[in-house]
Amino acid sequence: KERGVLKDKPVYRVVFHEITKRAIQEAIEHPRELSMDLVNAQQA
């Protein structure tokens, strides 16, 4: 964001608990936003 390369481009957070075809494709199809709660817990 600071380097200005995300302008008007969508950003998705994808999560999976195993690296299999089904899990990866399902994660890409159902992305979410970054969780600031998890980020803040890590920052704390």
ModelCIF file with pLDDT and N, C-alpha, C, O atoms, coordinates in Angstrom:
data_MODEL
#
_entry.id   MODEL 
#
_entity.id                         1 
_entity.type                       polymer 
_entity.pdbx_number_of_molecules   1 
#
_entity_poly.entity_id                      1 
_entity_poly.type                           'polypeptide(L)' 
_entity_poly.nstd_linkage                   no 
_entity_poly.nstd_monomer                   no 
_entity_poly.pdbx_seq_one_letter_code       KERGVLKDKPVYRVVFHEITKRAIQEAIEHPRELSMDLVNAQQA 
_entity_poly.pdbx_seq_one_letter_code_can   KERGVLKDKPVYRVVFHEITKRAIQEAIEHPRELSMDLVNAQQA 
_entity_poly.pdbx_strand_id                 A 
#
loop_
_entity_poly_seq.entity_id 
_entity_poly_seq.num 
_entity_poly_seq.mon_id 
_entity_poly_seq.hetero 
1 1  LYS n 
1 2  GLU n 
1 3  ARG n 
1 4  GLY n 
1 5  VAL n 
1 6  LEU n 
1 7  LYS n 
1 8  ASP n 
1 9  LYS n 
1 10 PRO n 
1 11 VAL n 
1 12 TYR n 
1 13 ARG n 
1 14 VAL n 
1 15 VAL n 
1 16 PHE n 
1 17 HIS n 
1 18 GLU n 
1 19 ILE n 
1 20 THR n 
1 21 LYS n 
1 22 ARG n 
1 23 ALA n 
1 24 ILE n 
1 25 GLN n 
1 26 GLU n 
1 27 ALA n 
1 28 ILE n 
1 29 GLU n 
1 30 HIS n 
1 31 PRO n 
1 32 ARG n 
1 33 GLU n 
1 34 LEU n 
1 35 SER n 
1 36 MET n 
1 37 ASP n 
1 38 LEU n 
1 39 VAL n 
1 40 ASN n 
1 41 ALA n 
1 42 GLN n 
1 43 GLN n 
1 44 ALA n 
#
_struct_asym.id          A 
_struct_asym.entity_id   1 
#
loop_
_ma_qa_metric.id 
_ma_qa_metric.mode 
_ma_qa_metric.name 
_ma_qa_metric.software_group_id 
_ma_qa_metric.type 
1 global pLDDT . pLDDT 
2 local  pLDDT . pLDDT 
#
_ma_qa_metric_global.metric_id      1 
_ma_qa_metric_global.metric_value   94.07 
_ma_qa_metric_global.model_id       1 
_ma_qa_metric_global.ordinal_id     1 
#
loop_
_ma_qa_metric_local.label_asym_id 
_ma_qa_metric_local.label_comp_id 
_ma_qa_metric_local.label_seq_id 
_ma_qa_metric_local.metric_id 
_ma_qa_metric_local.metric_value 
_ma_qa_metric_local.model_id 
_ma_qa_metric_local.ordinal_id 
A LYS 1  2 95.00 1 1  
A GLU 2  2 95.00 1 2  
A ARG 3  2 95.00 1 3  
A GLY 4  2 95.00 1 4  
A VAL 5  2 95.00 1 5  
A LEU 6  2 95.00 1 6  
A LYS 7  2 91.00 1 7  
A ASP 8  2 90.00 1 8  
A LYS 9  2 95.00 1 9  
A PRO 10 2 95.00 1 10 
A VAL 11 2 96.00 1 11 
A TYR 12 2 97.00 1 12 
A ARG 13 2 97.00 1 13 
A VAL 14 2 96.00 1 14 
A VAL 15 2 94.00 1 15 
A PHE 16 2 92.00 1 16 
A HIS 17 2 91.00 1 17 
A GLU 18 2 91.00 1 18 
A ILE 19 2 92.00 1 19 
A THR 20 2 90.00 1 20 
A LYS 21 2 90.00 1 21 
A ARG 22 2 91.00 1 22 
A ALA 23 2 92.00 1 23 
A ILE 24 2 94.00 1 24 
A GLN 25 2 93.00 1 25 
A GLU 26 2 93.00 1 26 
A ALA 27 2 94.00 1 27 
A ILE 28 2 94.00 1 28 
A GLU 29 2 94.00 1 29 
A HIS 30 2 95.00 1 30 
A PRO 31 2 96.00 1 31 
A ARG 32 2 95.00 1 32 
A GLU 33 2 95.00 1 33 
A LEU 34 2 96.00 1 34 
A SER 35 2 95.00 1 35 
A MET 36 2 96.00 1 36 
A ASP 37 2 95.00 1 37 
A LEU 38 2 94.00 1 38 
A VAL 39 2 96.00 1 39 
A ASN 40 2 96.00 1 40 
A ALA 41 2 94.00 1 41 
A GLN 42 2 93.00 1 42 
A GLN 43 2 95.00 1 43 
A ALA 44 2 96.00 1 44 
#
loop_
_atom_site.group_PDB 
_atom_site.id 
_atom_site.type_symbol 
_atom_site.label_atom_id 
_atom_site.label_alt_id 
_atom_site.label_comp_id 
_atom_site.label_asym_id 
_atom_site.label_entity_id 
_atom_site.label_seq_id 
_atom_site.pdbx_PDB_ins_code 
_atom_site.Cartn_x 
_atom_site.Cartn_y 
_atom_site.Cartn_z 
_atom_site.occupancy 
_atom_site.B_iso_or_equiv 
_atom_site.pdbx_formal_charge 
_atom_site.auth_seq_id 
_atom_site.auth_comp_id 
_atom_site.auth_asym_id 
_atom_site.auth_atom_id 
_atom_site.pdbx_PDB_model_num 
ATOM 1   N N  . LYS A 1 1  ? 0.846   -1.205  0.000  1.00 95.00 ? 1  LYS A N  1 
ATOM 2   C CA . LYS A 1 1  ? 0.000   0.000   0.000  1.00 95.00 ? 1  LYS A CA 1 
ATOM 3   C C  . LYS A 1 1  ? 0.879   1.252   0.000  1.00 95.00 ? 1  LYS A C  1 
ATOM 4   O O  . LYS A 1 1  ? 0.623   2.204   -0.738 1.00 95.00 ? 1  LYS A O  1 
ATOM 5   N N  . GLU A 1 2  ? 1.936   1.236   0.854  1.00 95.00 ? 2  GLU A N  1 
ATOM 6   C CA . GLU A 1 2  ? 2.864   2.371   0.917  1.00 95.00 ? 2  GLU A CA 1 
ATOM 7   C C  . GLU A 1 2  ? 3.573   2.607   -0.419 1.00 95.00 ? 2  GLU A C  1 
ATOM 8   O O  . GLU A 1 2  ? 3.872   3.745   -0.780 1.00 95.00 ? 2  GLU A O  1 
ATOM 9   N N  . ARG A 1 3  ? 3.836   1.520   -1.146 1.00 95.00 ? 3  ARG A N  1 
ATOM 10  C CA . ARG A 1 3  ? 4.543   1.640   -2.427 1.00 95.00 ? 3  ARG A CA 1 
ATOM 11  C C  . ARG A 1 3  ? 3.606   1.967   -3.588 1.00 95.00 ? 3  ARG A C  1 
ATOM 12  O O  . ARG A 1 3  ? 4.039   2.137   -4.728 1.00 95.00 ? 3  ARG A O  1 
ATOM 13  N N  . GLY A 1 4  ? 2.314   2.050   -3.272 1.00 95.00 ? 4  GLY A N  1 
ATOM 14  C CA . GLY A 1 4  ? 1.342   2.487   -4.278 1.00 95.00 ? 4  GLY A CA 1 
ATOM 15  C C  . GLY A 1 4  ? 1.045   1.488   -5.371 1.00 95.00 ? 4  GLY A C  1 
ATOM 16  O O  . GLY A 1 4  ? 0.653   1.880   -6.470 1.00 95.00 ? 4  GLY A O  1 
ATOM 17  N N  . VAL A 1 5  ? 1.223   0.195   -5.099 1.00 95.00 ? 5  VAL A N  1 
ATOM 18  C CA . VAL A 1 5  ? 0.974   -0.807  -6.153 1.00 95.00 ? 5  VAL A CA 1 
ATOM 19  C C  . VAL A 1 5  ? -0.382  -1.512  -5.980 1.00 95.00 ? 5  VAL A C  1 
ATOM 20  O O  . VAL A 1 5  ? -0.713  -2.419  -6.743 1.00 95.00 ? 5  VAL A O  1 
ATOM 21  N N  . LEU A 1 6  ? -1.163  -1.089  -4.972 1.00 95.00 ? 6  LEU A N  1 
ATOM 22  C CA . LEU A 1 6  ? -2.470  -1.731  -4.730 1.00 95.00 ? 6  LEU A CA 1 
ATOM 23  C C  . LEU A 1 6  ? -3.644  -0.868  -5.184 1.00 95.00 ? 6  LEU A C  1 
ATOM 24  O O  . LEU A 1 6  ? -4.797  -1.246  -4.974 1.00 95.00 ? 6  LEU A O  1 
ATOM 25  N N  . LYS A 1 7  ? -3.381  0.258   -5.788 1.00 91.00 ? 7  LYS A N  1 
ATOM 26  C CA . LYS A 1 7  ? -4.417  1.230   -6.148 1.00 91.00 ? 7  LYS A CA 1 
ATOM 27  C C  . LYS A 1 7  ? -5.572  0.572   -6.909 1.00 91.00 ? 7  LYS A C  1 
ATOM 28  O O  . LYS A 1 7  ? -5.378  -0.001  -7.981 1.00 91.00 ? 7  LYS A O  1 
ATOM 29  N N  . ASP A 1 8  ? -6.775  0.664   -6.335 1.00 90.00 ? 8  ASP A N  1 
ATOM 30  C CA . ASP A 1 8  ? -8.015  0.162   -6.970 1.00 90.00 ? 8  ASP A CA 1 
ATOM 31  C C  . ASP A 1 8  ? -7.968  -1.336  -7.294 1.00 90.00 ? 8  ASP A C  1 
ATOM 32  O O  . ASP A 1 8  ? -8.744  -1.818  -8.119 1.00 90.00 ? 8  ASP A O  1 
ATOM 33  N N  . LYS A 1 9  ? -7.059  -2.069  -6.646 1.00 95.00 ? 9  LYS A N  1 
ATOM 34  C CA . LYS A 1 9  ? -6.990  -3.523  -6.877 1.00 95.00 ? 9  LYS A CA 1 
ATOM 35  C C  . LYS A 1 9  ? -7.533  -4.252  -5.648 1.00 95.00 ? 9  LYS A C  1 
ATOM 36  O O  . LYS A 1 9  ? -7.204  -3.900  -4.515 1.00 95.00 ? 9  LYS A O  1 
ATOM 37  N N  . PRO A 1 10 ? -8.368  -5.271  -5.877 1.00 95.00 ? 10 PRO A N  1 
ATOM 38  C CA . PRO A 1 10 ? -8.925  -5.991  -4.720 1.00 95.00 ? 10 PRO A CA 1 
ATOM 39  C C  . PRO A 1 10 ? -7.851  -6.807  -3.986 1.00 95.00 ? 10 PRO A C  1 
ATOM 40  O O  . PRO A 1 10 ? -6.951  -7.375  -4.606 1.00 95.00 ? 10 PRO A O  1 
ATOM 41  N N  . VAL A 1 11 ? -7.968  -6.851  -2.647 1.00 96.00 ? 11 VAL A N  1 
ATOM 42  C CA . VAL A 1 11 ? -7.051  -7.636  -1.809 1.00 96.00 ? 11 VAL A CA 1 
ATOM 43  C C  . VAL A 1 11 ? -7.882  -8.644  -1.023 1.00 96.00 ? 11 VAL A C  1 
ATOM 44  O O  . VAL A 1 11 ? -8.813  -8.263  -0.314 1.00 96.00 ? 11 VAL A O  1 
ATOM 45  N N  . TYR A 1 12 ? -7.551  -9.926  -1.143 1.00 97.00 ? 12 TYR A N  1 
ATOM 46  C CA . TYR A 1 12 ? -8.298  -10.990 -0.481 1.00 97.00 ? 12 TYR A CA 1 
ATOM 47  C C  . TYR A 1 12 ? -7.391  -11.738 0.505  1.00 97.00 ? 12 TYR A C  1 
ATOM 48  O O  . TYR A 1 12 ? -6.198  -11.917 0.260  1.00 97.00 ? 12 TYR A O  1 
ATOM 49  N N  . ARG A 1 13 ? -7.970  -12.160 1.596  1.00 97.00 ? 13 ARG A N  1 
ATOM 50  C CA . ARG A 1 13 ? -7.262  -13.042 2.543  1.00 97.00 ? 13 ARG A CA 1 
ATOM 51  C C  . ARG A 1 13 ? -7.873  -14.420 2.403  1.00 97.00 ? 13 ARG A C  1 
ATOM 52  O O  . ARG A 1 13 ? -9.076  -14.588 2.598  1.00 97.00 ? 13 ARG A O  1 
ATOM 53  N N  . VAL A 1 14 ? -7.045  -15.423 2.061  1.00 96.00 ? 14 VAL A N  1 
ATOM 54  C CA . VAL A 1 14 ? -7.548  -16.795 1.911  1.00 96.00 ? 14 VAL A CA 1 
ATOM 55  C C  . VAL A 1 14 ? -6.884  -17.694 2.956  1.00 96.00 ? 14 VAL A C  1 
ATOM 56  O O  . VAL A 1 14 ? -5.686  -17.589 3.221  1.00 96.00 ? 14 VAL A O  1 
ATOM 57  N N  . VAL A 1 15 ? -7.679  -18.563 3.531  1.00 94.00 ? 15 VAL A N  1 
ATOM 58  C CA . VAL A 1 15 ? -7.199  -19.399 4.640  1.00 94.00 ? 15 VAL A CA 1 
ATOM 59  C C  . VAL A 1 15 ? -7.528  -20.863 4.364  1.00 94.00 ? 15 VAL A C  1 
ATOM 60  O O  . VAL A 1 15 ? -8.644  -21.187 3.960  1.00 94.00 ? 15 VAL A O  1 
ATOM 61  N N  . PHE A 1 16 ? -6.563  -21.737 4.581  1.00 92.00 ? 16 PHE A N  1 
ATOM 62  C CA . PHE A 1 16 ? -6.777  -23.183 4.462  1.00 92.00 ? 16 PHE A CA 1 
ATOM 63  C C  . PHE A 1 16 ? -5.919  -23.875 5.498  1.00 92.00 ? 16 PHE A C  1 
ATOM 64  O O  . PHE A 1 16 ? -4.886  -23.352 5.916  1.00 92.00 ? 16 PHE A O  1 
ATOM 65  N N  . HIS A 1 17 ? -6.357  -25.073 5.917  1.00 91.00 ? 17 HIS A N  1 
ATOM 66  C CA . HIS A 1 17 ? -5.631  -25.817 6.952  1.00 91.00 ? 17 HIS A CA 1 
ATOM 67  C C  . HIS A 1 17 ? -4.939  -27.060 6.398  1.00 91.00 ? 17 HIS A C  1 
ATOM 68  O O  . HIS A 1 17 ? -4.324  -27.828 7.138  1.00 91.00 ? 17 HIS A O  1 
ATOM 69  N N  . GLU A 1 18 ? -5.050  -27.242 5.085  1.00 91.00 ? 18 GLU A N  1 
ATOM 70  C CA . GLU A 1 18 ? -4.313  -28.314 4.427  1.00 91.00 ? 18 GLU A CA 1 
ATOM 71  C C  . GLU A 1 18 ? -4.063  -27.875 2.990  1.00 91.00 ? 18 GLU A C  1 
ATOM 72  O O  . GLU A 1 18 ? -4.848  -27.119 2.419  1.00 91.00 ? 18 GLU A O  1 
ATOM 73  N N  . ILE A 1 19 ? -2.964  -28.353 2.409  1.00 92.00 ? 19 ILE A N  1 
ATOM 74  C CA . ILE A 1 19 ? -2.636  -27.946 1.043  1.00 92.00 ? 19 ILE A CA 1 
ATOM 75  C C  . ILE A 1 19 ? -3.039  -29.079 0.103  1.00 92.00 ? 19 ILE A C  1 
ATOM 76  O O  . ILE A 1 19 ? -2.217  -29.881 -0.341 1.00 92.00 ? 19 ILE A O  1 
ATOM 77  N N  . THR A 1 20 ? -4.356  -29.108 -0.184 1.00 90.00 ? 20 THR A N  1 
ATOM 78  C CA . THR A 1 20 ? -4.933  -30.071 -1.121 1.00 90.00 ? 20 THR A CA 1 
ATOM 79  C C  . THR A 1 20 ? -5.717  -29.281 -2.156 1.00 90.00 ? 20 THR A C  1 
ATOM 80  O O  . THR A 1 20 ? -6.064  -28.121 -1.935 1.00 90.00 ? 20 THR A O  1 
ATOM 81  N N  . LYS A 1 21 ? -5.991  -29.917 -3.285 1.00 90.00 ? 21 LYS A N  1 
ATOM 82  C CA . LYS A 1 21 ? -6.704  -29.230 -4.375 1.00 90.00 ? 21 LYS A CA 1 
ATOM 83  C C  . LYS A 1 21 ? -8.041  -28.677 -3.893 1.00 90.00 ? 21 LYS A C  1 
ATOM 84  O O  . LYS A 1 21 ? -8.388  -27.527 -4.165 1.00 90.00 ? 21 LYS A O  1 
ATOM 85  N N  . ARG A 1 22 ? -8.792  -29.524 -3.167 1.00 91.00 ? 22 ARG A N  1 
ATOM 86  C CA . ARG A 1 22 ? -10.116 -29.101 -2.693 1.00 91.00 ? 22 ARG A CA 1 
ATOM 87  C C  . ARG A 1 22 ? -10.003 -27.913 -1.750 1.00 91.00 ? 22 ARG A C  1 
ATOM 88  O O  . ARG A 1 22 ? -10.737 -26.934 -1.883 1.00 91.00 ? 22 ARG A O  1 
ATOM 89  N N  . ALA A 1 23 ? -9.071  -28.003 -0.786 1.00 92.00 ? 23 ALA A N  1 
ATOM 90  C CA . ALA A 1 23 ? -8.944  -26.940 0.221  1.00 92.00 ? 23 ALA A CA 1 
ATOM 91  C C  . ALA A 1 23 ? -8.497  -25.624 -0.410 1.00 92.00 ? 23 ALA A C  1 
ATOM 92  O O  . ALA A 1 23 ? -9.000  -24.564 -0.039 1.00 92.00 ? 23 ALA A O  1 
ATOM 93  N N  . ILE A 1 24 ? -7.557  -25.676 -1.360 1.00 94.00 ? 24 ILE A N  1 
ATOM 94  C CA . ILE A 1 24 ? -7.031  -24.456 -1.994 1.00 94.00 ? 24 ILE A CA 1 
ATOM 95  C C  . ILE A 1 24 ? -8.121  -23.798 -2.840 1.00 94.00 ? 24 ILE A C  1 
ATOM 96  O O  . ILE A 1 24 ? -8.352  -22.593 -2.745 1.00 94.00 ? 24 ILE A O  1 
ATOM 97  N N  . GLN A 1 25 ? -8.776  -24.594 -3.655 1.00 93.00 ? 25 GLN A N  1 
ATOM 98  C CA . GLN A 1 25 ? -9.800  -24.018 -4.535 1.00 93.00 ? 25 GLN A CA 1 
ATOM 99  C C  . GLN A 1 25 ? -10.974 -23.458 -3.744 1.00 93.00 ? 25 GLN A C  1 
ATOM 100 O O  . GLN A 1 25 ? -11.536 -22.423 -4.103 1.00 93.00 ? 25 GLN A O  1 
ATOM 101 N N  . GLU A 1 26 ? -11.340 -24.148 -2.665 1.00 93.00 ? 26 GLU A N  1 
ATOM 102 C CA . GLU A 1 26 ? -12.423 -23.669 -1.796 1.00 93.00 ? 26 GLU A CA 1 
ATOM 103 C C  . GLU A 1 26 ? -12.035 -22.343 -1.135 1.00 93.00 ? 26 GLU A C  1 
ATOM 104 O O  . GLU A 1 26 ? -12.864 -21.440 -1.023 1.00 93.00 ? 26 GLU A O  1 
ATOM 105 N N  . ALA A 1 27 ? -10.775 -22.225 -0.698 1.00 94.00 ? 27 ALA A N  1 
ATOM 106 C CA . ALA A 1 27 ? -10.307 -20.995 -0.050 1.00 94.00 ? 27 ALA A CA 1 
ATOM 107 C C  . ALA A 1 27 ? -10.313 -19.826 -1.031 1.00 94.00 ? 27 ALA A C  1 
ATOM 108 O O  . ALA A 1 27 ? -10.700 -18.715 -0.669 1.00 94.00 ? 27 ALA A O  1 
ATOM 109 N N  . ILE A 1 28 ? -9.885  -20.071 -2.279 1.00 94.00 ? 28 ILE A N  1 
ATOM 110 C CA . ILE A 1 28 ? -9.864  -19.008 -3.295 1.00 94.00 ? 28 ILE A CA 1 
ATOM 111 C C  . ILE A 1 28 ? -11.290 -18.555 -3.630 1.00 94.00 ? 28 ILE A C  1 
ATOM 112 O O  . ILE A 1 28 ? -11.536 -17.374 -3.877 1.00 94.00 ? 28 ILE A O  1 
ATOM 113 N N  . GLU A 1 29 ? -12.222 -19.515 -3.634 1.00 94.00 ? 29 GLU A N  1 
ATOM 114 C CA . GLU A 1 29 ? -13.628 -19.184 -3.949 1.00 94.00 ? 29 GLU A CA 1 
ATOM 115 C C  . GLU A 1 29 ? -14.317 -18.452 -2.812 1.00 94.00 ? 29 GLU A C  1 
ATOM 116 O O  . GLU A 1 29 ? -15.284 -17.727 -3.046 1.00 94.00 ? 29 GLU A O  1 
ATOM 117 N N  . HIS A 1 30 ? -13.833 -18.627 -1.565 1.00 95.00 ? 30 HIS A N  1 
ATOM 118 C CA . HIS A 1 30 ? -14.477 -17.992 -0.402 1.00 95.00 ? 30 HIS A CA 1 
ATOM 119 C C  . HIS A 1 30 ? -13.459 -17.172 0.393  1.00 95.00 ? 30 HIS A C  1 
ATOM 120 O O  . HIS A 1 30 ? -13.151 -17.511 1.535  1.00 95.00 ? 30 HIS A O  1 
ATOM 121 N N  . PRO A 1 31 ? -12.935 -16.095 -0.204 1.00 96.00 ? 31 PRO A N  1 
ATOM 122 C CA . PRO A 1 31 ? -11.951 -15.285 0.527  1.00 96.00 ? 31 PRO A CA 1 
ATOM 123 C C  . PRO A 1 31 ? -12.626 -14.435 1.594  1.00 96.00 ? 31 PRO A C  1 
ATOM 124 O O  . PRO A 1 31 ? -13.849 -14.300 1.606  1.00 96.00 ? 31 PRO A O  1 
ATOM 125 N N  . ARG A 1 32 ? -11.823 -13.861 2.493  1.00 95.00 ? 32 ARG A N  1 
ATOM 126 C CA . ARG A 1 32 ? -12.337 -12.918 3.490  1.00 95.00 ? 32 ARG A CA 1 
ATOM 127 C C  . ARG A 1 32 ? -11.419 -11.714 3.539  1.00 95.00 ? 32 ARG A C  1 
ATOM 128 O O  . ARG A 1 32 ? -10.442 -11.639 2.794  1.00 95.00 ? 32 ARG A O  1 
ATOM 129 N N  . GLU A 1 33 ? -11.732 -10.775 4.412  1.00 95.00 ? 33 GLU A N  1 
ATOM 130 C CA . GLU A 1 33 ? -10.849 -9.626  4.596  1.00 95.00 ? 33 GLU A CA 1 
ATOM 131 C C  . GLU A 1 33 ? -9.787  -9.964  5.642  1.00 95.00 ? 33 GLU A C  1 
ATOM 132 O O  . GLU A 1 33 ? -9.920  -10.935 6.388  1.00 95.00 ? 33 GLU A O  1 
ATOM 133 N N  . LEU A 1 34 ? -8.745  -9.158  5.686  1.00 96.00 ? 34 LEU A N  1 
ATOM 134 C CA . LEU A 1 34 ? -7.757  -9.316  6.750  1.00 96.00 ? 34 LEU A CA 1 
ATOM 135 C C  . LEU A 1 34 ? -8.430  -9.131  8.101  1.00 96.00 ? 34 LEU A C  1 
ATOM 136 O O  . LEU A 1 34 ? -9.248  -8.227  8.273  1.00 96.00 ? 34 LEU A O  1 
ATOM 137 N N  . SER A 1 35 ? -8.087  -9.986  9.059  1.00 95.00 ? 35 SER A N  1 
ATOM 138 C CA . SER A 1 35 ? -8.659  -9.872  10.411 1.00 95.00 ? 35 SER A CA 1 
ATOM 139 C C  . SER A 1 35 ? -7.767  -8.982  11.267 1.00 95.00 ? 35 SER A C  1 
ATOM 140 O O  . SER A 1 35 ? -6.690  -9.399  11.692 1.00 95.00 ? 35 SER A O  1 
ATOM 141 N N  . MET A 1 36 ? -8.214  -7.761  11.517 1.00 96.00 ? 36 MET A N  1 
ATOM 142 C CA . MET A 1 36 ? -7.416  -6.854  12.345 1.00 96.00 ? 36 MET A CA 1 
ATOM 143 C C  . MET A 1 36 ? -7.383  -7.318  13.800 1.00 96.00 ? 36 MET A C  1 
ATOM 144 O O  . MET A 1 36 ? -6.484  -6.941  14.552 1.00 96.00 ? 36 MET A O  1 
ATOM 145 N N  . ASP A 1 37 ? -8.352  -8.127  14.193 1.00 95.00 ? 37 ASP A N  1 
ATOM 146 C CA . ASP A 1 37 ? -8.324  -8.676  15.562 1.00 95.00 ? 37 ASP A CA 1 
ATOM 147 C C  . ASP A 1 37 ? -7.108  -9.595  15.728 1.00 95.00 ? 37 ASP A C  1 
ATOM 148 O O  . ASP A 1 37 ? -6.386  -9.508  16.721 1.00 95.00 ? 37 ASP A O  1 
ATOM 149 N N  . LEU A 1 38 ? -6.888  -10.491 14.726 1.00 94.00 ? 38 LEU A N  1 
ATOM 150 C CA . LEU A 1 38 ? -5.726  -11.387 14.778 1.00 94.00 ? 38 LEU A CA 1 
ATOM 151 C C  . LEU A 1 38 ? -4.421  -10.599 14.668 1.00 94.00 ? 38 LEU A C  1 
ATOM 152 O O  . LEU A 1 38 ? -3.445  -10.895 15.358 1.00 94.00 ? 38 LEU A O  1 
ATOM 153 N N  . VAL A 1 39 ? -4.419  -9.589  13.789 1.00 96.00 ? 39 VAL A N  1 
ATOM 154 C CA . VAL A 1 39 ? -3.225  -8.751  13.606 1.00 96.00 ? 39 VAL A CA 1 
ATOM 155 C C  . VAL A 1 39 ? -2.895  -8.019  14.901 1.00 96.00 ? 39 VAL A C  1 
ATOM 156 O O  . VAL A 1 39 ? -1.738  -7.984  15.320 1.00 96.00 ? 39 VAL A O  1 
ATOM 157 N N  . ASN A 1 40 ? -3.908  -7.436  15.535 1.00 96.00 ? 40 ASN A N  1 
ATOM 158 C CA . ASN A 1 40 ? -3.675  -6.679  16.776 1.00 96.00 ? 40 ASN A CA 1 
ATOM 159 C C  . ASN A 1 40 ? -3.226  -7.589  17.912 1.00 96.00 ? 40 ASN A C  1 
ATOM 160 O O  . ASN A 1 40 ? -2.430  -7.184  18.759 1.00 96.00 ? 40 ASN A O  1 
ATOM 161 N N  . ALA A 1 41 ? -3.740  -8.829  17.932 1.00 94.00 ? 41 ALA A N  1 
ATOM 162 C CA . ALA A 1 41 ? -3.294  -9.786  18.953 1.00 94.00 ? 41 ALA A CA 1 
ATOM 163 C C  . ALA A 1 41 ? -1.805  -10.079 18.763 1.00 94.00 ? 41 ALA A C  1 
ATOM 164 O O  . ALA A 1 41 ? -1.058  -10.194 19.735 1.00 94.00 ? 41 ALA A O  1 
ATOM 165 N N  . GLN A 1 42 ? -1.378  -10.201 17.488 1.00 93.00 ? 42 GLN A N  1 
ATOM 166 C CA . GLN A 1 42 ? 0.033   -10.447 17.213 1.00 93.00 ? 42 GLN A CA 1 
ATOM 167 C C  . GLN A 1 42 ? 0.882   -9.220  17.543 1.00 93.00 ? 42 GLN A C  1 
ATOM 168 O O  . GLN A 1 42 ? 1.984   -9.345  18.077 1.00 93.00 ? 42 GLN A O  1 
ATOM 169 N N  . GLN A 1 43 ? 0.356   -8.020  17.218 1.00 95.00 ? 43 GLN A N  1 
ATOM 170 C CA . GLN A 1 43 ? 1.083   -6.785  17.536 1.00 95.00 ? 43 GLN A CA 1 
ATOM 171 C C  . GLN A 1 43 ? 1.233   -6.625  19.050 1.00 95.00 ? 43 GLN A C  1 
ATOM 172 O O  . GLN A 1 43 ? 2.287   -6.221  19.541 1.00 95.00 ? 43 GLN A O  1 
ATOM 173 N N  . ALA A 1 44 ? 0.168   -6.948  19.779 1.00 96.00 ? 44 ALA A N  1 
ATOM 174 C CA . ALA A 1 44 ? 0.213   -6.844  21.245 1.00 96.00 ? 44 ALA A CA 1 
ATOM 175 C C  . ALA A 1 44 ? 1.249   -7.805  21.808 1.00 96.00 ? 44 ALA A C  1 
ATOM 176 O O  . ALA A 1 44 ? 1.437   -7.867  23.023 1.00 96.00 ? 44 ALA A O  1 
#
